[in-house]
Every structure is written in C-alpha cells, then in structure tokens.
C-alpha cells in the first residue's frame, strides 16, 4: 500500500512538472524578440525637432552603459498627425485607458512593457529601471509583457518569478549568459 501511494505521488509530481514545463515553453514561444518603447509627443511645427531631440538625449543618457544589454525597438510618434494619434489611442486603450482619460493626458507619453509613463520627469526618473526590468522580464525570466488588464493575484503574478537565473552586479541584474558575468 505504501509503495502504491509513493508511486502515485511520483506520477502526480511528474505530471505536474511536465505541465509546468510545457506551459512555460508555450509562453516563451510567444515572447517578443525585443523591448518595445513607444514615445508619443505633440509637436505641431513640422520642422521643429526640439521635443524629439530632447527625448533622444534623455534616452541615451538614461540607458548609458546598459543600452546594449537587451534588444529594443524605439518607436516615435508625433500625435499632431492624425494617424499617429490613432496609434497612441489604440496603444493606450490596450493598456486599459478610456478615451475620456486619454484626452486629458499631457505629453510626452512613453509606453514600455505594458506600463505608461506620463511627462518628461516621470520618463526621466523611470526609463533606466523600466528598461532593465522589461529586459529581465522578457529575456531572463520569460515572463512576457506586463498586461495591466489581466486580473491576477499577487501570488499568481509571482509564480513566474525565478530569482537566481542571473546575477546582481553593481546594482544591475544581468543574465548569466552575458560575457564577463560570473
């Protein structure tokens, strides 16, 4: 009887482990290949480039020394143009913002890994950490892009968190596969 219970327990454990690994493999297949930055600004002057140049400078300063850790796509939209305004509306609606709220937002706006940063100060203060967190989520832990509309408990959100799959170096969490990381 005891052997039968042990055998059933072992089979149950194997089945559970197989289910977890196949579910994680499915999730990894759907992961994006890069971190997606969407920067939305409003510049009515077609020849003026102040806002976009300021953002590029801020972007390069904030990510100095870490910009090459993870692949990324930087998309820039001037919402003064109707088509780019529609792109912003769609992106923000997918993140749970209603049209009523979207109309009240001030620029610039940055979306990154399912999160929204409003205004230059917020972007400047958050950009580096948001990039590193998104890279860790996507490329180290395989958690995917954060979905603010998905209803999960804290315990469910932490299920995919796997500390120890990289190492902490000088305040940065780096993937173990990077050259020079030991």
Protein backbone atom coordinates (compact mmCIF):
# COMPACT_ATOMS: atom_id res chain seq x y z
CA UNK A 1 0.00 0.00 0.00
CA UNK A 2 2.81 2.38 0.91
CA UNK A 3 4.61 1.63 -2.38
CA UNK A 4 1.41 2.28 -4.30
CA UNK A 5 0.99 5.68 -2.62
CA UNK A 6 4.63 6.53 -3.33
CA UNK A 7 4.21 5.55 -6.97
CA UNK A 8 1.03 7.64 -7.31
CA UNK A 9 2.75 10.61 -5.68
CA UNK A 10 5.74 10.30 -8.01
CA UNK A 11 3.48 10.08 -11.08
CA UNK A 12 1.49 13.10 -9.92
CA UNK A 13 4.69 15.07 -9.42
CA UNK A 14 5.98 14.14 -12.88
CA UNK A 15 2.68 15.12 -14.47
CA UNK A 16 2.72 18.48 -12.67
CA UNK A 17 6.32 19.16 -13.70
CA UNK A 18 5.58 18.23 -17.31
CA UNK A 19 2.59 20.59 -17.32
CA UNK A 20 4.69 23.46 -15.95
CA UNK A 21 7.48 22.97 -18.46
CA UNK A 22 5.16 22.70 -21.46
CA UNK A 23 3.24 25.78 -20.31
CA UNK A 24 6.47 27.75 -19.95
CA UNK A 25 7.67 26.59 -23.39
CA UNK A 26 4.40 27.82 -24.91
CA UNK A 27 4.80 31.16 -23.14
CA UNK A 28 8.41 31.52 -24.31
CA UNK A 29 7.40 30.96 -27.93
CA UNK A 30 5.03 33.92 -27.71
CA UNK A 31 7.56 36.30 -26.13
CA UNK A 32 8.52 39.36 -28.14
CA UNK A 33 12.01 39.47 -29.60
CA UNK A 34 12.69 42.95 -28.29
CA UNK A 35 11.58 45.53 -25.74
CA UNK A 36 9.16 47.95 -27.35
CA UNK A 37 9.40 51.64 -26.46
CA UNK A 38 6.58 53.84 -27.77
CA UNK A 39 7.23 57.55 -27.33
CA UNK A 40 4.31 59.87 -28.05
CA UNK A 41 4.78 63.63 -28.26
CA UNK A 42 2.79 66.56 -29.67
CA UNK A 43 4.71 68.90 -31.98
CA UNK A 44 2.55 70.99 -34.35
CA UNK A 45 5.62 72.52 -36.01
CA UNK A 46 6.75 70.12 -38.74
CA UNK A 47 10.30 71.48 -38.89
CA UNK A 48 10.77 71.78 -35.11
CA UNK A 49 12.70 68.90 -33.61
CA UNK A 50 13.23 70.11 -30.03
CA UNK A 51 10.99 67.58 -28.29
CA UNK A 52 12.27 64.58 -30.19
CA UNK A 53 15.91 65.63 -29.88
CA UNK A 54 15.44 66.16 -26.14
CA UNK A 55 13.94 62.68 -25.85
CA UNK A 56 16.80 61.05 -27.78
CA UNK A 57 19.29 62.80 -25.48
CA UNK A 58 17.34 61.71 -22.39
CA UNK A 59 17.07 58.15 -23.75
CA UNK A 60 20.81 57.90 -24.41
CA UNK A 61 21.74 59.39 -21.03
CA UNK A 62 19.31 57.20 -19.07
CA UNK A 63 20.48 53.99 -20.75
CA UNK A 64 24.18 54.82 -20.84
CA UNK A 65 26.17 51.67 -20.14
CA UNK A 66 23.17 49.31 -20.34
CA UNK A 67 21.56 50.14 -23.69
CA UNK A 68 23.08 47.08 -25.39
CA UNK A 69 22.03 44.54 -22.74
CA UNK A 70 18.70 43.76 -24.39
CA UNK A 71 17.33 44.25 -27.91
CA UNK A 72 14.79 47.03 -28.23
CA UNK A 73 12.66 48.91 -30.75
CA UNK A 74 12.20 52.63 -30.25
CA UNK A 75 9.05 53.91 -31.94
CA UNK A 76 8.43 57.65 -32.01
CA UNK A 77 5.03 59.18 -32.81
CA UNK A 78 4.06 62.81 -33.25
CA UNK A 79 0.39 62.74 -32.23
CA UNK A 80 -0.22 66.03 -34.03
CA UNK A 81 -0.50 63.76 -37.07
CA UNK A 82 -3.91 62.04 -37.12
CA UNK A 83 -2.57 58.54 -37.94
CA UNK A 84 -0.03 58.69 -35.12
CA UNK A 85 -2.66 59.99 -32.72
CA UNK A 86 -4.79 56.96 -33.59
CA UNK A 87 -1.79 54.71 -32.92
CA UNK A 88 -1.44 56.27 -29.46
CA UNK A 89 -5.16 55.92 -28.72
CA UNK A 90 -5.08 52.27 -29.68
CA UNK A 91 -1.96 51.57 -27.61
CA UNK A 92 -3.37 53.28 -24.52
CA UNK A 93 -6.77 51.60 -24.89
CA UNK A 94 -5.00 48.22 -24.92
CA UNK A 95 -3.47 49.23 -21.60
CA UNK A 96 -6.87 49.98 -20.07
CA UNK A 97 -7.17 53.72 -20.63
CA UNK A 98 -10.59 55.03 -21.71
CA UNK A 99 -10.92 57.71 -24.39
CA UNK A 100 -12.09 60.13 -21.69
CA UNK A 101 -8.84 59.65 -19.79
CA UNK A 102 -6.65 59.65 -22.91
CA UNK A 103 -7.98 63.09 -23.90
CA UNK A 104 -6.80 64.51 -20.56
CA UNK A 105 -3.23 63.21 -20.68
CA UNK A 106 -0.33 65.57 -21.15
CA UNK A 107 2.70 64.90 -23.30
CA UNK A 108 5.15 63.36 -23.69
CA UNK A 109 3.97 59.79 -23.03
CA UNK A 110 6.10 56.66 -23.03
CA UNK A 111 4.78 53.11 -23.03
CA UNK A 112 7.13 50.29 -22.17
CA UNK A 113 6.41 46.68 -21.24
CA UNK A 114 2.73 47.31 -20.52
CA UNK A 115 3.31 50.41 -18.42
CA UNK A 116 2.72 54.09 -19.14
CA UNK A 117 4.96 56.99 -18.10
CA UNK A 118 3.49 60.49 -18.34
CA UNK A 119 5.57 63.64 -18.63
CA UNK A 120 9.27 64.28 -19.02
CA UNK A 121 10.06 64.00 -15.30
CA UNK A 122 8.36 60.60 -14.96
CA UNK A 123 10.07 59.29 -18.09
CA UNK A 124 13.46 60.59 -16.97
CA UNK A 125 13.14 59.09 -13.49
CA UNK A 126 11.81 55.71 -14.67
CA UNK A 127 13.40 54.95 -18.03
CA UNK A 128 16.53 53.09 -16.93
CA UNK A 129 14.80 50.91 -14.33
CA UNK A 130 11.86 50.24 -16.66
CA UNK A 131 14.21 49.09 -19.43
CA UNK A 132 16.20 46.81 -17.12
CA UNK A 133 13.03 45.37 -15.61
CA UNK A 134 11.50 44.75 -19.03
CA UNK A 135 14.71 43.04 -20.17
CA UNK A 136 14.73 40.83 -17.08
CA UNK A 137 11.04 40.01 -17.53
CA UNK A 138 11.38 39.11 -21.21
CA UNK A 139 14.84 37.65 -21.61
CA UNK A 140 15.83 36.23 -18.23
CA UNK A 141 12.62 35.10 -16.56
CA UNK A 142 10.43 34.60 -19.63
CA UNK A 143 7.51 36.43 -18.01
CA UNK A 144 6.41 38.31 -21.10
CA UNK A 145 4.97 41.78 -21.37
CA UNK A 146 3.01 43.00 -18.36
CA UNK A 147 -0.72 43.13 -19.03
CA UNK A 148 -2.47 45.59 -16.69
CA UNK A 149 -5.88 44.27 -17.75
CA UNK A 150 -5.12 40.71 -16.69
CA UNK A 151 -6.59 40.06 -13.28
CA UNK A 152 -4.09 38.10 -11.20
CA UNK A 153 -3.46 37.88 -7.51
CA UNK A 154 -0.01 38.77 -6.23
CA UNK A 155 0.70 35.06 -5.71
CA UNK A 156 -0.19 34.34 -9.33
CA UNK A 157 2.00 37.20 -10.56
CA UNK A 158 4.94 35.88 -8.56
CA UNK A 159 4.59 32.32 -9.86
CA UNK A 160 6.75 33.15 -12.88
CA UNK A 161 9.40 34.95 -10.85
CA UNK A 162 12.57 32.86 -10.74
CA UNK A 163 15.36 34.57 -8.82
CA UNK A 164 18.81 33.16 -9.35
CA UNK A 165 18.59 32.90 -13.14
CA UNK A 166 21.04 35.77 -13.41
CA UNK A 167 23.37 37.63 -11.14
CA UNK A 168 23.43 41.00 -9.44
CA UNK A 169 26.45 43.10 -10.46
CA UNK A 170 26.87 46.65 -9.25
CA UNK A 171 23.14 47.10 -8.74
CA UNK A 172 22.25 45.56 -12.12
CA UNK A 173 20.60 42.19 -12.56
CA UNK A 174 22.38 40.64 -15.55
CA UNK A 175 21.67 37.45 -17.42
CA UNK A 176 24.10 34.67 -16.61
CA UNK A 177 24.80 34.09 -20.33
CA UNK A 178 26.36 37.54 -20.89
CA UNK A 179 30.12 37.56 -21.44
CA UNK A 180 32.08 38.54 -18.36
CA UNK A 181 29.30 37.64 -15.92
CA UNK A 182 30.37 35.06 -13.36
